Amino acid sequence: MNFSHSIRDNQWHGHVTDDAGADQYAFAHLDQTTTSATARLNYTFTPTVSLQAYAQPFVTKGTYTNVRRLSDNPRADDYDDRYVTLDDSATAANPGGFNFKSFQSNLVFRWEYGPGSTLFAVWSHGRQGFNSVAGDKSFQGDVTDLFRLHPANTFLIKMSYWLNR
């Protein structure tokens, strides 16, 4: 299980059109939490038959605050002089956030039906979702929501045959 929490004071927030109609480069304070887990399972039934499984849930969420734009002197010695208040009242009042979650898994069945000849059956499963607010759910709550999203499934079969000369 992996967990990280980072706080960045000068995260790129995006292009914003201010109240006067001018384009602004907006930066914000970002408080971000990322949680993931990786699980692998390999099981050998016989020397010629095996099963491999892989699963990885991933959730990252962040909240923006203190949205501002670059000042006329972005390399000022005093850090606070590098930014000025953003002239966009809508963005400043509701800077937003994000909640991105995904789940990726693979299941591989391998059968060596002859020397150098193998049959693989692979099932790949994935889900992902994005919300423009961080939300207040735990990692388990976000993963539970993730399994309510529409899946992307792929099934493949690969067969190789060794030609003996």
N, C-alpha and C. Protein backbone atom coordinates (compact mmCIF):
# COMPACT_ATOMS: atom_id res chain seq x y z
N MET A 1 0.86 -1.17 0.00
CA MET A 1 0.00 0.00 0.00
C MET A 1 0.90 1.23 0.00
N ASN A 2 0.59 2.17 -0.85
CA ASN A 2 1.35 3.42 -0.94
C ASN A 2 0.45 4.58 -0.56
N PHE A 3 1.02 5.53 0.16
CA PHE A 3 0.28 6.73 0.56
C PHE A 3 1.23 7.91 0.47
N SER A 4 0.77 8.99 -0.12
CA SER A 4 1.58 10.22 -0.13
C SER A 4 0.66 11.42 0.06
N HIS A 5 1.17 12.39 0.75
CA HIS A 5 0.46 13.65 0.97
C HIS A 5 1.43 14.76 0.62
N SER A 6 1.05 15.61 -0.30
CA SER A 6 1.93 16.71 -0.69
C SER A 6 1.17 18.03 -0.69
N ILE A 7 1.90 19.06 -0.36
CA ILE A 7 1.34 20.42 -0.37
C ILE A 7 2.27 21.27 -1.23
N ARG A 8 1.69 21.89 -2.26
CA ARG A 8 2.45 22.76 -3.16
C ARG A 8 1.81 24.13 -3.15
N ASP A 9 2.63 25.12 -2.99
CA ASP A 9 2.08 26.48 -2.92
C ASP A 9 1.98 27.14 -4.28
N ASN A 10 2.66 26.62 -5.29
CA ASN A 10 2.65 27.27 -6.60
C ASN A 10 2.28 26.30 -7.72
N GLN A 11 1.20 25.56 -7.52
CA GLN A 11 0.72 24.61 -8.52
C GLN A 11 -0.02 25.34 -9.65
N TRP A 12 0.32 25.00 -10.89
CA TRP A 12 -0.39 25.55 -12.05
C TRP A 12 -1.88 25.24 -11.92
N HIS A 13 -2.74 26.23 -12.08
CA HIS A 13 -4.18 26.03 -11.95
C HIS A 13 -4.88 26.13 -13.31
N GLY A 14 -4.33 26.94 -14.21
CA GLY A 14 -4.90 27.03 -15.54
C GLY A 14 -4.96 28.44 -16.08
N HIS A 15 -5.44 28.57 -17.31
CA HIS A 15 -5.69 29.88 -17.92
C HIS A 15 -7.06 30.35 -17.45
N VAL A 16 -7.14 31.59 -17.04
CA VAL A 16 -8.39 32.15 -16.56
C VAL A 16 -8.60 33.50 -17.25
N THR A 17 -9.82 33.76 -17.64
CA THR A 17 -10.16 35.08 -18.16
C THR A 17 -10.68 35.90 -16.99
N ASP A 18 -10.00 37.01 -16.71
CA ASP A 18 -10.39 37.81 -15.54
C ASP A 18 -11.65 38.62 -15.81
N ASP A 19 -12.09 39.37 -14.80
CA ASP A 19 -13.32 40.15 -14.90
C ASP A 19 -13.25 41.21 -15.99
N ALA A 20 -12.02 41.64 -16.37
CA ALA A 20 -11.85 42.65 -17.41
C ALA A 20 -11.71 42.02 -18.80
N GLY A 21 -11.71 40.68 -18.89
CA GLY A 21 -11.62 39.99 -20.18
C GLY A 21 -10.21 39.63 -20.60
N ALA A 22 -9.21 39.85 -19.76
CA ALA A 22 -7.83 39.53 -20.09
C ALA A 22 -7.48 38.11 -19.62
N ASP A 23 -6.60 37.45 -20.39
CA ASP A 23 -6.13 36.11 -20.01
C ASP A 23 -5.13 36.23 -18.86
N GLN A 24 -5.26 35.32 -17.90
CA GLN A 24 -4.37 35.28 -16.74
C GLN A 24 -3.82 33.87 -16.60
N TYR A 25 -2.60 33.74 -16.13
CA TYR A 25 -2.02 32.45 -15.79
C TYR A 25 -2.21 32.27 -14.29
N ALA A 26 -3.07 31.35 -13.93
CA ALA A 26 -3.43 31.18 -12.52
C ALA A 26 -2.63 30.07 -11.85
N PHE A 27 -2.20 30.34 -10.64
CA PHE A 27 -1.51 29.37 -9.79
C PHE A 27 -2.28 29.29 -8.47
N ALA A 28 -2.12 28.17 -7.76
CA ALA A 28 -2.87 28.00 -6.53
C ALA A 28 -2.08 27.14 -5.55
N HIS A 29 -2.55 27.16 -4.33
CA HIS A 29 -2.06 26.27 -3.28
C HIS A 29 -2.80 24.94 -3.48
N LEU A 30 -2.07 23.81 -3.54
CA LEU A 30 -2.68 22.50 -3.75
C LEU A 30 -2.33 21.58 -2.60
N ASP A 31 -3.37 21.02 -1.98
CA ASP A 31 -3.23 20.01 -0.94
C ASP A 31 -3.71 18.70 -1.56
N GLN A 32 -2.78 17.76 -1.81
CA GLN A 32 -3.08 16.55 -2.57
C GLN A 32 -2.72 15.30 -1.78
N THR A 33 -3.61 14.31 -1.84
CA THR A 33 -3.38 13.01 -1.22
C THR A 33 -3.52 11.93 -2.28
N THR A 34 -2.56 11.01 -2.33
CA THR A 34 -2.58 9.91 -3.28
C THR A 34 -2.44 8.60 -2.52
N THR A 35 -3.31 7.65 -2.83
CA THR A 35 -3.27 6.33 -2.21
C THR A 35 -3.39 5.28 -3.30
N SER A 36 -2.59 4.24 -3.20
CA SER A 36 -2.68 3.14 -4.16
C SER A 36 -2.22 1.85 -3.49
N ALA A 37 -2.56 0.78 -4.12
CA ALA A 37 -2.12 -0.54 -3.65
C ALA A 37 -1.86 -1.40 -4.88
N THR A 38 -0.92 -2.30 -4.76
CA THR A 38 -0.61 -3.22 -5.86
C THR A 38 -0.59 -4.63 -5.31
N ALA A 39 -1.31 -5.52 -5.97
CA ALA A 39 -1.35 -6.91 -5.54
C ALA A 39 -1.02 -7.81 -6.73
N ARG A 40 -0.18 -8.81 -6.48
CA ARG A 40 0.19 -9.79 -7.50
C ARG A 40 0.05 -11.18 -6.91
N LEU A 41 -0.40 -12.09 -7.74
CA LEU A 41 -0.53 -13.48 -7.32
C LEU A 41 -0.09 -14.36 -8.48
N ASN A 42 0.83 -15.25 -8.23
CA ASN A 42 1.28 -16.23 -9.22
C ASN A 42 1.02 -17.61 -8.63
N TYR A 43 0.32 -18.44 -9.37
CA TYR A 43 0.05 -19.79 -8.91
C TYR A 43 0.36 -20.77 -10.03
N THR A 44 1.18 -21.77 -9.71
CA THR A 44 1.54 -22.79 -10.69
C THR A 44 0.80 -24.07 -10.34
N PHE A 45 -0.11 -24.49 -11.22
CA PHE A 45 -0.86 -25.72 -11.01
C PHE A 45 0.02 -26.94 -11.28
N THR A 46 0.68 -26.91 -12.43
CA THR A 46 1.62 -27.95 -12.84
C THR A 46 2.77 -27.23 -13.53
N PRO A 47 3.84 -27.92 -13.88
CA PRO A 47 4.93 -27.24 -14.59
C PRO A 47 4.51 -26.62 -15.93
N THR A 48 3.37 -27.05 -16.47
CA THR A 48 2.95 -26.53 -17.78
C THR A 48 1.70 -25.65 -17.71
N VAL A 49 1.12 -25.47 -16.52
CA VAL A 49 -0.10 -24.66 -16.38
C VAL A 49 0.07 -23.69 -15.21
N SER A 50 -0.17 -22.39 -15.46
CA SER A 50 -0.04 -21.40 -14.39
C SER A 50 -1.08 -20.29 -14.57
N LEU A 51 -1.27 -19.53 -13.49
CA LEU A 51 -2.21 -18.41 -13.47
C LEU A 51 -1.52 -17.24 -12.79
N GLN A 52 -1.59 -16.07 -13.41
CA GLN A 52 -1.01 -14.86 -12.84
C GLN A 52 -2.11 -13.81 -12.74
N ALA A 53 -2.17 -13.13 -11.58
CA ALA A 53 -3.16 -12.08 -11.38
C ALA A 53 -2.45 -10.81 -10.89
N TYR A 54 -2.96 -9.67 -11.33
CA TYR A 54 -2.42 -8.36 -10.96
C TYR A 54 -3.59 -7.41 -10.77
N ALA A 55 -3.56 -6.62 -9.70
CA ALA A 55 -4.62 -5.62 -9.46
C ALA A 55 -4.01 -4.38 -8.83
N GLN A 56 -4.49 -3.19 -9.28
CA GLN A 56 -3.99 -1.94 -8.72
C GLN A 56 -5.10 -0.89 -8.66
N PRO A 57 -5.65 -0.63 -7.46
CA PRO A 57 -6.52 0.53 -7.29
C PRO A 57 -5.65 1.77 -7.04
N PHE A 58 -6.11 2.92 -7.54
CA PHE A 58 -5.36 4.18 -7.42
C PHE A 58 -6.35 5.31 -7.21
N VAL A 59 -6.13 6.14 -6.19
CA VAL A 59 -6.99 7.29 -5.93
C VAL A 59 -6.09 8.48 -5.61
N THR A 60 -6.31 9.60 -6.30
CA THR A 60 -5.63 10.84 -5.94
C THR A 60 -6.66 11.95 -5.90
N LYS A 61 -6.58 12.77 -4.86
CA LYS A 61 -7.53 13.87 -4.72
C LYS A 61 -6.81 15.09 -4.20
N GLY A 62 -7.29 16.24 -4.62
CA GLY A 62 -6.66 17.48 -4.21
C GLY A 62 -7.65 18.62 -4.14
N THR A 63 -7.30 19.60 -3.33
CA THR A 63 -8.12 20.79 -3.16
C THR A 63 -7.25 22.02 -3.41
N TYR A 64 -7.74 22.92 -4.26
CA TYR A 64 -7.04 24.17 -4.55
C TYR A 64 -7.56 25.27 -3.61
N THR A 65 -6.65 26.11 -3.18
CA THR A 65 -7.00 27.32 -2.42
C THR A 65 -6.04 28.43 -2.86
N ASN A 66 -6.32 29.65 -2.45
CA ASN A 66 -5.44 30.79 -2.69
C ASN A 66 -5.02 30.91 -4.15
N VAL A 67 -5.99 30.99 -5.05
CA VAL A 67 -5.69 31.14 -6.48
C VAL A 67 -5.21 32.56 -6.72
N ARG A 68 -4.11 32.67 -7.48
CA ARG A 68 -3.53 33.98 -7.76
C ARG A 68 -2.81 33.93 -9.10
N ARG A 69 -2.35 35.08 -9.56
CA ARG A 69 -1.64 35.15 -10.84
C ARG A 69 -0.23 35.67 -10.59
N LEU A 70 0.61 35.49 -11.61
CA LEU A 70 1.98 36.00 -11.51
C LEU A 70 1.96 37.52 -11.49
N SER A 71 2.85 38.08 -10.71
CA SER A 71 2.97 39.54 -10.67
C SER A 71 3.81 40.01 -11.85
N ASP A 72 4.03 41.30 -11.95
CA ASP A 72 4.88 41.85 -13.00
C ASP A 72 6.36 41.51 -12.75
N ASN A 73 6.67 41.06 -11.53
CA ASN A 73 8.04 40.68 -11.18
C ASN A 73 8.04 39.25 -10.62
N PRO A 74 7.90 38.22 -11.50
CA PRO A 74 7.78 36.85 -11.01
C PRO A 74 9.06 36.28 -10.39
N ARG A 75 10.19 37.00 -10.52
CA ARG A 75 11.45 36.55 -9.92
C ARG A 75 11.85 37.42 -8.73
N ALA A 76 10.88 38.02 -8.11
CA ALA A 76 11.16 38.90 -6.97
C ALA A 76 11.85 38.12 -5.86
N ASP A 77 12.72 38.82 -5.11
CA ASP A 77 13.44 38.18 -4.01
C ASP A 77 12.47 37.71 -2.93
N ASP A 78 11.46 38.50 -2.65
CA ASP A 78 10.46 38.13 -1.65
C ASP A 78 9.39 37.27 -2.34
N TYR A 79 9.20 36.06 -1.85
CA TYR A 79 8.28 35.11 -2.48
C TYR A 79 6.88 35.69 -2.61
N ASP A 80 6.41 36.37 -1.61
CA ASP A 80 5.04 36.93 -1.64
C ASP A 80 4.86 37.98 -2.72
N ASP A 81 5.94 38.60 -3.18
CA ASP A 81 5.86 39.61 -4.24
C ASP A 81 5.78 39.00 -5.64
N ARG A 82 5.94 37.68 -5.76
CA ARG A 82 5.90 37.01 -7.06
C ARG A 82 4.48 36.82 -7.57
N TYR A 83 3.50 36.88 -6.70
CA TYR A 83 2.10 36.64 -7.05
C TYR A 83 1.24 37.79 -6.57
N VAL A 84 0.13 38.01 -7.29
CA VAL A 84 -0.86 39.01 -6.86
C VAL A 84 -2.24 38.37 -6.95
N THR A 85 -3.20 38.98 -6.32
CA THR A 85 -4.56 38.47 -6.29
C THR A 85 -5.12 38.36 -7.71
N LEU A 86 -5.80 37.27 -7.96
CA LEU A 86 -6.41 37.02 -9.27
C LEU A 86 -7.62 37.92 -9.45
N ASP A 87 -7.73 38.53 -10.62
CA ASP A 87 -8.83 39.44 -10.91
C ASP A 87 -10.03 38.71 -11.50
N ASP A 88 -10.29 37.52 -11.02
CA ASP A 88 -11.43 36.72 -11.47
C ASP A 88 -12.18 36.28 -10.23
N SER A 89 -13.25 36.95 -9.91
CA SER A 89 -13.96 36.68 -8.66
C SER A 89 -14.57 35.28 -8.63
N ALA A 90 -15.02 34.76 -9.77
CA ALA A 90 -15.64 33.43 -9.79
C ALA A 90 -14.63 32.34 -9.45
N THR A 91 -13.43 32.38 -10.05
CA THR A 91 -12.41 31.38 -9.77
C THR A 91 -11.87 31.53 -8.36
N ALA A 92 -11.66 32.75 -7.92
CA ALA A 92 -11.14 32.97 -6.57
C ALA A 92 -12.12 32.49 -5.51
N ALA A 93 -13.41 32.62 -5.78
CA ALA A 93 -14.42 32.19 -4.80
C ALA A 93 -14.57 30.68 -4.76
N ASN A 94 -14.38 29.99 -5.90
CA ASN A 94 -14.53 28.55 -5.96
C ASN A 94 -13.40 27.95 -6.81
N PRO A 95 -12.20 27.77 -6.23
CA PRO A 95 -11.07 27.29 -7.02
C PRO A 95 -11.17 25.82 -7.43
N GLY A 96 -12.01 25.04 -6.74
CA GLY A 96 -12.22 23.65 -7.14
C GLY A 96 -11.18 22.69 -6.61
N GLY A 97 -11.14 21.55 -7.23
CA GLY A 97 -10.23 20.47 -6.84
C GLY A 97 -10.40 19.32 -7.81
N PHE A 98 -10.01 18.14 -7.39
CA PHE A 98 -10.15 16.97 -8.26
C PHE A 98 -10.16 15.70 -7.43
N ASN A 99 -10.74 14.67 -8.02
CA ASN A 99 -10.73 13.33 -7.45
C ASN A 99 -10.64 12.37 -8.64
N PHE A 100 -9.46 11.81 -8.85
CA PHE A 100 -9.25 10.87 -9.94
C PHE A 100 -9.02 9.50 -9.34
N LYS A 101 -9.72 8.51 -9.87
CA LYS A 101 -9.56 7.15 -9.39
C LYS A 101 -9.52 6.19 -10.55
N SER A 102 -8.74 5.12 -10.40
CA SER A 102 -8.67 4.12 -11.44
C SER A 102 -8.40 2.75 -10.81
N PHE A 103 -8.79 1.73 -11.55
CA PHE A 103 -8.51 0.36 -11.16
C PHE A 103 -8.07 -0.38 -12.41
N GLN A 104 -6.93 -1.05 -12.34
CA GLN A 104 -6.40 -1.82 -13.46
C GLN A 104 -6.12 -3.23 -12.96
N SER A 105 -6.51 -4.23 -13.75
CA SER A 105 -6.22 -5.61 -13.37
C SER A 105 -6.00 -6.46 -14.61
N ASN A 106 -5.22 -7.52 -14.43
CA ASN A 106 -4.94 -8.49 -15.49
C ASN A 106 -4.99 -9.88 -14.89
N LEU A 107 -5.48 -10.81 -15.67
CA LEU A 107 -5.49 -12.21 -15.29
C LEU A 107 -4.95 -12.98 -16.50
N VAL A 108 -3.87 -13.75 -16.30
CA VAL A 108 -3.21 -14.46 -17.40
C VAL A 108 -3.16 -15.95 -17.07
N PHE A 109 -3.77 -16.74 -17.93
CA PHE A 109 -3.72 -18.19 -17.82
C PHE A 109 -2.76 -18.69 -18.89
N ARG A 110 -1.75 -19.52 -18.49
CA ARG A 110 -0.75 -20.03 -19.42
C ARG A 110 -0.76 -21.55 -19.40
N TRP A 111 -0.79 -22.11 -20.61
CA TRP A 111 -0.74 -23.57 -20.74
C TRP A 111 0.29 -23.91 -21.79
N GLU A 112 1.32 -24.62 -21.41
CA GLU A 112 2.34 -25.08 -22.35
C GLU A 112 1.92 -26.48 -22.80
N TYR A 113 1.28 -26.54 -23.96
CA TYR A 113 0.68 -27.78 -24.42
C TYR A 113 1.67 -28.69 -25.16
N GLY A 114 2.84 -28.18 -25.42
CA GLY A 114 3.90 -28.95 -26.05
C GLY A 114 5.22 -28.23 -25.84
N PRO A 115 6.36 -28.90 -26.03
CA PRO A 115 7.65 -28.22 -25.84
C PRO A 115 7.75 -26.97 -26.72
N GLY A 116 7.88 -25.81 -26.10
CA GLY A 116 8.00 -24.54 -26.83
C GLY A 116 6.70 -24.02 -27.40
N SER A 117 5.58 -24.71 -27.18
CA SER A 117 4.28 -24.29 -27.70
C SER A 117 3.38 -23.91 -26.52
N THR A 118 2.83 -22.69 -26.55
CA THR A 118 2.10 -22.17 -25.40
C THR A 118 0.80 -21.50 -25.84
N LEU A 119 -0.20 -21.63 -24.98
CA LEU A 119 -1.47 -20.94 -25.16
C LEU A 119 -1.65 -19.99 -23.98
N PHE A 120 -1.93 -18.72 -24.28
CA PHE A 120 -2.18 -17.72 -23.25
C PHE A 120 -3.62 -17.22 -23.40
N ALA A 121 -4.33 -17.12 -22.30
CA ALA A 121 -5.63 -16.46 -22.27
C ALA A 121 -5.50 -15.30 -21.28
N VAL A 122 -5.81 -14.09 -21.74
CA VAL A 122 -5.59 -12.88 -20.93
C VAL A 122 -6.89 -12.10 -20.82
N TRP A 123 -7.22 -11.70 -19.59
CA TRP A 123 -8.36 -10.82 -19.34
C TRP A 123 -7.82 -9.57 -18.69
N SER A 124 -8.05 -8.43 -19.31
CA SER A 124 -7.63 -7.14 -18.78
C SER A 124 -8.89 -6.34 -18.44
N HIS A 125 -8.91 -5.79 -17.23
CA HIS A 125 -10.09 -5.09 -16.73
C HIS A 125 -9.65 -3.73 -16.20
N GLY A 126 -10.37 -2.68 -16.55
CA GLY A 126 -10.03 -1.35 -16.05
C GLY A 126 -11.26 -0.48 -15.85
N ARG A 127 -11.14 0.42 -14.90
CA ARG A 127 -12.19 1.41 -14.63
C ARG A 127 -11.50 2.70 -14.23
N GLN A 128 -12.12 3.83 -14.56
CA GLN A 128 -11.59 5.11 -14.08
C GLN A 128 -12.68 6.16 -14.05
N GLY A 129 -12.48 7.13 -13.17
CA GLY A 129 -13.44 8.20 -13.02
C GLY A 129 -12.77 9.47 -12.55
N PHE A 130 -13.41 10.59 -12.84
CA PHE A 130 -12.88 11.90 -12.45
C PHE A 130 -14.02 12.77 -11.96
N ASN A 131 -13.82 13.46 -10.85
CA ASN A 131 -14.74 14.48 -10.35
C ASN A 131 -13.96 15.76 -10.15
N SER A 132 -14.62 16.89 -10.31
CA SER A 132 -13.94 18.18 -10.16
C SER A 132 -13.95 18.69 -8.72
N VAL A 133 -14.31 17.85 -7.78
CA VAL A 133 -14.20 18.17 -6.35
C VAL A 133 -13.52 17.00 -5.66
N ALA A 134 -12.75 17.27 -4.62
CA ALA A 134 -12.00 16.22 -3.94
C ALA A 134 -12.92 15.24 -3.22
N GLY A 135 -13.97 15.74 -2.61
CA GLY A 135 -14.86 14.87 -1.84
C GLY A 135 -14.27 14.54 -0.49
N ASP A 136 -15.07 13.92 0.35
CA ASP A 136 -14.61 13.64 1.71
C ASP A 136 -14.59 12.15 2.04
N LYS A 137 -14.61 11.29 1.02
CA LYS A 137 -14.60 9.85 1.26
C LYS A 137 -13.19 9.35 1.53
N SER A 138 -13.10 8.23 2.23
CA SER A 138 -11.83 7.58 2.48
C SER A 138 -11.39 6.83 1.22
N PHE A 139 -10.19 6.26 1.25
CA PHE A 139 -9.68 5.46 0.14
C PHE A 139 -10.65 4.32 -0.16
N GLN A 140 -11.13 3.64 0.89
CA GLN A 140 -12.05 2.52 0.69
C GLN A 140 -13.36 3.00 0.06
N GLY A 141 -13.86 4.16 0.48
CA GLY A 141 -15.09 4.71 -0.09
C GLY A 141 -14.93 5.07 -1.55
N ASP A 142 -13.76 5.65 -1.91
CA ASP A 142 -13.50 5.99 -3.31
C ASP A 142 -13.37 4.73 -4.16
N VAL A 143 -12.73 3.69 -3.64
CA VAL A 143 -12.59 2.44 -4.39
C VAL A 143 -13.96 1.79 -4.57
N THR A 144 -14.80 1.86 -3.54
CA THR A 144 -16.16 1.33 -3.66
C THR A 144 -16.92 2.06 -4.77
N ASP A 145 -16.81 3.39 -4.81
CA ASP A 145 -17.43 4.17 -5.89
C ASP A 145 -16.86 3.79 -7.25
N LEU A 146 -15.59 3.48 -7.28
CA LEU A 146 -14.92 3.12 -8.53
C LEU A 146 -15.56 1.89 -9.15
N PHE A 147 -15.99 0.93 -8.34
CA PHE A 147 -16.58 -0.29 -8.88
C PHE A 147 -18.02 -0.10 -9.33
N ARG A 148 -18.55 1.10 -9.17
CA ARG A 148 -19.87 1.42 -9.73
C ARG A 148 -19.74 2.02 -11.13
N LEU A 149 -18.53 2.32 -11.57
CA LEU A 149 -18.29 2.91 -12.89
C LEU A 149 -18.28 1.82 -13.97
N HIS A 150 -18.52 2.25 -15.20
CA HIS A 150 -18.54 1.33 -16.33
C HIS A 150 -17.15 0.76 -16.57
N PRO A 151 -17.02 -0.56 -16.71
CA PRO A 151 -15.70 -1.16 -16.91
C PRO A 151 -15.28 -1.19 -18.38
N ALA A 152 -13.98 -1.32 -18.57
CA ALA A 152 -13.41 -1.58 -19.90
C ALA A 152 -12.75 -2.95 -19.82
N ASN A 153 -13.30 -3.92 -20.53
CA ASN A 153 -12.80 -5.30 -20.50
C ASN A 153 -12.21 -5.67 -21.84
N THR A 154 -11.09 -6.37 -21.79
CA THR A 154 -10.45 -6.88 -23.00
C THR A 154 -10.08 -8.33 -22.76
N PHE A 155 -10.40 -9.19 -23.70
CA PHE A 155 -10.05 -10.60 -23.60
C PHE A 155 -9.21 -10.97 -24.82
N LEU A 156 -8.05 -11.57 -24.58
CA LEU A 156 -7.14 -11.93 -25.67
C LEU A 156 -6.72 -13.39 -25.55
N ILE A 157 -6.49 -14.01 -26.68
CA ILE A 157 -5.94 -15.36 -26.70
C ILE A 157 -4.74 -15.34 -27.64
N LYS A 158 -3.65 -15.90 -27.15
CA LYS A 158 -2.44 -15.97 -27.97
C LYS A 158 -1.98 -17.42 -27.97
N MET A 159 -1.68 -17.92 -29.14
CA MET A 159 -1.23 -19.28 -29.25
C MET A 159 0.06 -19.31 -30.06
N SER A 160 1.05 -19.98 -29.54
CA SER A 160 2.31 -20.14 -30.28
C SER A 160 2.58 -21.63 -30.45
N TYR A 161 3.15 -21.96 -31.59
CA TYR A 161 3.46 -23.37 -31.87
C TYR A 161 4.89 -23.43 -32.38
N TRP A 162 5.69 -24.27 -31.75
CA TRP A 162 7.07 -24.40 -32.15
C TRP A 162 7.18 -25.41 -33.27
N LEU A 163 7.70 -24.96 -34.41
CA LEU A 163 7.90 -25.83 -35.56
C LEU A 163 9.24 -26.53 -35.40
N ASN A 164 9.23 -27.83 -35.21
CA ASN A 164 10.43 -28.60 -35.00
C ASN A 164 10.99 -29.05 -36.35
N ARG A 165 12.25 -28.79 -36.60
CA ARG A 165 12.85 -29.18 -37.89
C ARG A 165 13.81 -30.31 -37.68
